[in-house]
C-alpha atoms as a PDB file:
ATOM      1  CA  UNK A   1      33.590  -1.116  11.185  1.00  0.00           C
ATOM      2  CA  UNK A   2      34.010   0.427   7.751  1.00  0.00           C
ATOM      3  CA  UNK A   3      33.668  -1.327   4.422  1.00  0.00           C
ATOM      4  CA  UNK A   4      37.381  -0.935   3.611  1.00  0.00           C
ATOM      5  CA  UNK A   5      38.283  -2.838   6.771  1.00  0.00           C
ATOM      6  CA  UNK A   6      35.672  -5.517   6.012  1.00  0.00           C
ATOM      7  CA  UNK A   7      37.081  -5.944   2.511  1.00  0.00           C
ATOM      8  CA  UNK A   8      40.627  -6.350   3.838  1.00  0.00           C
ATOM      9  CA  UNK A   9      39.489  -8.822   6.501  1.00  0.00           C
ATOM     10  CA  UNK A  10      37.802 -10.880   3.774  1.00  0.00           C
ATOM     11  CA  UNK A  11      41.090 -10.912   1.842  1.00  0.00           C
ATOM     12  CA  UNK A  12      39.739  -8.635  -0.902  1.00  0.00           C
ATOM     13  CA  UNK A  13      41.357  -5.604  -2.504  1.00  0.00           C
ATOM     14  CA  UNK A  14      39.761  -2.296  -1.597  1.00  0.00           C
ATOM     15  CA  UNK A  15      38.571  -0.588  -4.781  1.00  0.00           C
ATOM     16  CA  UNK A  16      36.267   2.352  -5.385  1.00  0.00           C
ATOM     17  CA  UNK A  17      33.830   0.068  -7.221  1.00  0.00           C
ATOM     18  CA  UNK A  18      33.670  -2.458  -4.360  1.00  0.00           C
ATOM     19  CA  UNK A  19      33.133   0.294  -1.814  1.00  0.00           C
ATOM     20  CA  UNK A  20      30.398   1.782  -4.015  1.00  0.00           C
ATOM     21  CA  UNK A  21      28.751  -1.643  -4.363  1.00  0.00           C
ATOM     22  CA  UNK A  22      28.716  -2.145  -0.599  1.00  0.00           C
ATOM     23  CA  UNK A  23      27.216   1.310  -0.057  1.00  0.00           C
ATOM     24  CA  UNK A  24      24.636   0.868  -2.831  1.00  0.00           C
ATOM     25  CA  UNK A  25      23.501  -2.547  -1.592  1.00  0.00           C
ATOM     26  CA  UNK A  26      23.346  -1.344   2.036  1.00  0.00           C
ATOM     27  CA  UNK A  27      21.221   1.677   1.121  1.00  0.00           C
ATOM     28  CA  UNK A  28      18.884  -0.268  -1.181  1.00  0.00           C
ATOM     29  CA  UNK A  29      16.464  -3.030  -0.415  1.00  0.00           C
ATOM     30  CA  UNK A  30      17.441  -6.357  -1.973  1.00  0.00           C
ATOM     31  CA  UNK A  31      18.667  -4.754  -5.188  1.00  0.00           C
ATOM     32  CA  UNK A  32      19.144  -6.588  -8.459  1.00  0.00           C
ATOM     33  CA  UNK A  33      22.349  -6.261 -10.493  1.00  0.00           C
ATOM     34  CA  UNK A  34      20.992  -3.525 -12.791  1.00  0.00           C
ATOM     35  CA  UNK A  35      20.018  -1.340  -9.818  1.00  0.00           C
ATOM     36  CA  UNK A  36      23.391  -1.954  -8.190  1.00  0.00           C
ATOM     37  CA  UNK A  37      25.182  -1.075 -11.447  1.00  0.00           C
ATOM     38  CA  UNK A  38      23.244   2.212 -11.698  1.00  0.00           C
ATOM     39  CA  UNK A  39      24.053   3.045  -8.061  1.00  0.00           C
ATOM     40  CA  UNK A  40      27.741   2.321  -8.527  1.00  0.00           C
ATOM     41  CA  UNK A  41      27.919   4.469 -11.678  1.00  0.00           C
ATOM     42  CA  UNK A  42      26.222   7.340  -9.830  1.00  0.00           C
ATOM     43  CA  UNK A  43      28.817   7.093  -7.066  1.00  0.00           C
ATOM     44  CA  UNK A  44      32.069   6.542  -8.980  1.00  0.00           C
ATOM     45  CA  UNK A  45      31.395   7.123 -12.656  1.00  0.00           C
ATOM     46  CA  UNK A  46      31.331   4.550 -15.436  1.00  0.00           C
ATOM     47  CA  UNK A  47      31.949   0.962 -14.306  1.00  0.00           C
ATOM     48  CA  UNK A  48      31.270  -1.966 -16.605  1.00  0.00           C
ATOM     49  CA  UNK A  49      28.409  -4.298 -15.818  1.00  0.00           C
ATOM     50  CA  UNK A  50      30.881  -7.208 -15.950  1.00  0.00           C
ATOM     51  CA  UNK A  51      33.045  -5.526 -13.296  1.00  0.00           C
ATOM     52  CA  UNK A  52      29.972  -5.230 -11.071  1.00  0.00           C
ATOM     53  CA  UNK A  53      29.140  -8.926 -11.589  1.00  0.00           C
ATOM     54  CA  UNK A  54      32.734  -9.889 -10.800  1.00  0.00           C
ATOM     55  CA  UNK A  55      32.807  -7.748  -7.663  1.00  0.00           C
ATOM     56  CA  UNK A  56      29.423  -9.035  -6.468  1.00  0.00           C
ATOM     57  CA  UNK A  57      30.716 -12.578  -6.816  1.00  0.00           C
ATOM     58  CA  UNK A  58      33.905 -11.771  -4.882  1.00  0.00           C
ATOM     59  CA  UNK A  59      31.950  -9.950  -2.166  1.00  0.00           C
ATOM     60  CA  UNK A  60      29.582 -12.888  -1.828  1.00  0.00           C
ATOM     61  CA  UNK A  61      32.431 -15.412  -1.627  1.00  0.00           C
ATOM     62  CA  UNK A  62      34.078 -13.162   0.964  1.00  0.00           C
ATOM     63  CA  UNK A  63      30.943 -13.290   3.122  1.00  0.00           C
ATOM     64  CA  UNK A  64      30.203  -9.565   2.783  1.00  0.00           C
ATOM     65  CA  UNK A  65      27.052  -9.891   0.663  1.00  0.00           C
ATOM     66  CA  UNK A  66      24.276 -12.439   0.520  1.00  0.00           C
ATOM     67  CA  UNK A  67      22.791 -13.455  -2.820  1.00  0.00           C
ATOM     68  CA  UNK A  68      19.131 -14.407  -2.902  1.00  0.00           C
ATOM     69  CA  UNK A  69      17.352 -15.894  -5.895  1.00  0.00           C
ATOM     70  CA  UNK A  70      13.560 -15.895  -5.517  1.00  0.00           C
ATOM     71  CA  UNK A  71      11.943 -18.007  -8.251  1.00  0.00           C
ATOM     72  CA  UNK A  72      10.808 -15.879 -11.191  1.00  0.00           C
ATOM     73  CA  UNK A  73      12.680 -12.841  -9.876  1.00  0.00           C
ATOM     74  CA  UNK A  74      16.127 -11.490 -10.704  1.00  0.00           C
ATOM     75  CA  UNK A  75      19.013 -12.356  -8.393  1.00  0.00           C
ATOM     76  CA  UNK A  76      19.227  -9.847  -5.577  1.00  0.00           C
ATOM     77  CA  UNK A  77      21.888  -8.897  -3.049  1.00  0.00           C
ATOM     78  CA  UNK A  78      21.893  -7.703   0.541  1.00  0.00           C
ATOM     79  CA  UNK A  79      24.435  -6.829   3.211  1.00  0.00           C
ATOM     80  CA  UNK A  80      22.624  -8.689   6.002  1.00  0.00           C
ATOM     81  CA  UNK A  81      24.800 -11.793   6.281  1.00  0.00           C
ATOM     82  CA  UNK A  82      25.559 -14.458   8.842  1.00  0.00           C
ATOM     83  CA  UNK A  83      22.233 -14.646  10.664  1.00  0.00           C
ATOM     84  CA  UNK A  84      20.299 -17.029   8.375  1.00  0.00           C
ATOM     85  CA  UNK A  85      17.231 -14.804   8.159  1.00  0.00           C
ATOM     86  CA  UNK A  86      14.511 -15.498   5.620  1.00  0.00           C
ATOM     87  CA  UNK A  87      12.524 -13.424   3.114  1.00  0.00           C
ATOM     88  CA  UNK A  88       8.991 -12.381   2.248  1.00  0.00           C
ATOM     89  CA  UNK A  89       8.445 -11.830  -1.492  1.00  0.00           C
ATOM     90  CA  UNK A  90       5.432 -10.092  -3.026  1.00  0.00           C
ATOM     91  CA  UNK A  91       4.089 -11.996  -6.032  1.00  0.00           C
ATOM     92  CA  UNK A  92       2.630  -8.810  -7.490  1.00  0.00           C
ATOM     93  CA  UNK A  93       5.421  -6.203  -7.353  1.00  0.00           C
ATOM     94  CA  UNK A  94       8.425  -8.341  -6.387  1.00  0.00           C
ATOM     95  CA  UNK A  95       9.228  -6.431  -3.191  1.00  0.00           C
ATOM     96  CA  UNK A  96      11.495  -8.437  -0.872  1.00  0.00           C
ATOM     97  CA  UNK A  97      11.486  -7.989   2.904  1.00  0.00           C
ATOM     98  CA  UNK A  98      13.649  -9.622   5.560  1.00  0.00           C
ATOM     99  CA  UNK A  99      12.007 -11.752   8.229  1.00  0.00           C
ATOM    100  CA  UNK A 100      13.752 -13.377  11.161  1.00  0.00           C
ATOM    101  CA  UNK A 101      14.033 -17.145  11.522  1.00  0.00           C
ATOM    102  CA  UNK A 102      10.616 -18.810  11.526  1.00  0.00           C
ATOM    103  CA  UNK A 103      10.429 -21.238  14.421  1.00  0.00           C
ATOM    104  CA  UNK A 104      12.761 -22.687  16.987  1.00  0.00           C
ATOM    105  CA  UNK A 105      16.392 -21.858  17.357  1.00  0.00           C
ATOM    106  CA  UNK A 106      18.174 -19.827  14.758  1.00  0.00           C
ATOM    107  CA  UNK A 107      19.269 -20.773  12.214  1.00  0.00           C
ATOM    108  CA  UNK A 108      16.174 -22.989  11.661  1.00  0.00           C
ATOM    109  CA  UNK A 109      18.291 -25.983  10.756  1.00  0.00           C
ATOM    110  CA  UNK A 110      16.138 -28.878  11.891  1.00  0.00           C
ATOM    111  CA  UNK A 111      14.523 -30.464   8.821  1.00  0.00           C
ATOM    112  CA  UNK A 112      12.238 -33.439   9.384  1.00  0.00           C
ATOM    113  CA  UNK A 113      14.908 -35.617   7.738  1.00  0.00           C
ATOM    114  CA  UNK A 114      18.435 -34.545   6.866  1.00  0.00           C
ATOM    115  CA  UNK A 115      19.040 -37.576   4.572  1.00  0.00           C
ATOM    116  CA  UNK A 116      22.606 -37.712   5.873  1.00  0.00           C
ATOM    117  CA  UNK A 117      23.389 -34.110   4.907  1.00  0.00           C
ATOM    118  CA  UNK A 118      25.321 -31.797   7.199  1.00  0.00           C
ATOM    119  CA  UNK A 119      22.961 -28.798   7.153  1.00  0.00           C
ATOM    120  CA  UNK A 120      24.570 -25.416   7.721  1.00  0.00           C
ATOM    121  CA  UNK A 121      22.120 -22.999   6.121  1.00  0.00           C
ATOM    122  CA  UNK A 122      18.382 -22.754   5.476  1.00  0.00           C
ATOM    123  CA  UNK A 123      16.891 -20.611   2.712  1.00  0.00           C
ATOM    124  CA  UNK A 124      13.197 -19.979   3.279  1.00  0.00           C
ATOM    125  CA  UNK A 125      11.082 -17.695   1.094  1.00  0.00           C
ATOM    126  CA  UNK A 126       7.524 -16.811   2.023  1.00  0.00           C
ATOM    127  CA  UNK A 127       5.367 -15.782  -0.959  1.00  0.00           C
ATOM    128  CA  UNK A 128       2.358 -13.471  -0.766  1.00  0.00           C
ATOM    129  CA  UNK A 129       1.289  -9.894  -1.358  1.00  0.00           C
ATOM    130  CA  UNK A 130       2.898  -6.873   0.278  1.00  0.00           C
ATOM    131  CA  UNK A 131       0.604  -4.395   2.067  1.00  0.00           C
ATOM    132  CA  UNK A 132       0.544  -2.001  -0.928  1.00  0.00           C
ATOM    133  CA  UNK A 133      -0.407  -4.744  -3.386  1.00  0.00           C
ATOM    134  CA  UNK A 134      -3.026  -6.120  -0.987  1.00  0.00           C
ATOM    135  CA  UNK A 135      -4.737  -2.727  -1.016  1.00  0.00           C
ATOM    136  CA  UNK A 136      -4.654  -2.684  -4.814  1.00  0.00           C
ATOM    137  CA  UNK A 137      -5.956  -6.268  -5.045  1.00  0.00           C
ATOM    138  CA  UNK A 138      -8.740  -5.998  -2.505  1.00  0.00           C
ATOM    139  CA  UNK A 139      -9.354  -2.298  -2.108  1.00  0.00           C
ATOM    140  CA  UNK A 140      -8.886  -0.445   1.193  1.00  0.00           C
ATOM    141  CA  UNK A 141     -11.870  -2.111   2.876  1.00  0.00           C
ATOM    142  CA  UNK A 142     -10.283  -5.560   2.557  1.00  0.00           C
ATOM    143  CA  UNK A 143      -6.600  -4.717   3.003  1.00  0.00           C
ATOM    144  CA  UNK A 144      -6.235  -6.945   6.052  1.00  0.00           C
ATOM    145  CA  UNK A 145      -8.004 -10.009   4.676  1.00  0.00           C
ATOM    146  CA  UNK A 146      -6.042 -13.147   3.885  1.00  0.00           C
ATOM    147  CA  UNK A 147      -5.544 -13.868   0.191  1.00  0.00           C
ATOM    148  CA  UNK A 148      -4.969 -17.284  -1.357  1.00  0.00           C
ATOM    149  CA  UNK A 149      -1.524 -17.637  -2.893  1.00  0.00           C
ATOM    150  CA  UNK A 150      -0.529 -19.017  -6.277  1.00  0.00           C
ATOM    151  CA  UNK A 151       2.164 -21.637  -6.384  1.00  0.00           C
ATOM    152  CA  UNK A 152       5.620 -20.235  -7.322  1.00  0.00           C
END
C-alpha cells in the first residue's frame, strides 16, 4: 500500500512534504529531525523546519510513524509501527537498531506489577556498543568480548 493511501486512511491530507517525510524516514535508520528535514528538502525543495515538526507530529498521531526518545539522544522517527518492537542503542556513536520483543508473547506487556494501570505498550531500550564501536574500543582481537555498560 502506498504512502498516499496510508495518509488518507489515517485521516491526513496528502502533501508533497508528508510523502517526502515518509520516504525519508523509511529509507533512513531512526533519523532525527535534522536528518529528516535535509532529506525532505532534497526531495521537494525548501520546506521549513517547523513544517517538518508539524508533519512528524501529525504522522505520529496518525499511527504512521513511531517516535523514539533514547536518553541523551535526539528524538528519532521510524516507520516500523504497531508491533511493539524494542531498540538497541550504541552509547558511543548513537546508532539505533530494531530488536524484536524480548521475552514471552509480543508485545511484552507483563510487568511484575501493573499498579492498576492498563498497559498497552512497552518501550524497552537496550544500551551498549555497536559492533563498529566495539572494535574501536577493544581492537579487532577483542571485538566479541562483553563490555561493561555505563548507566544511561
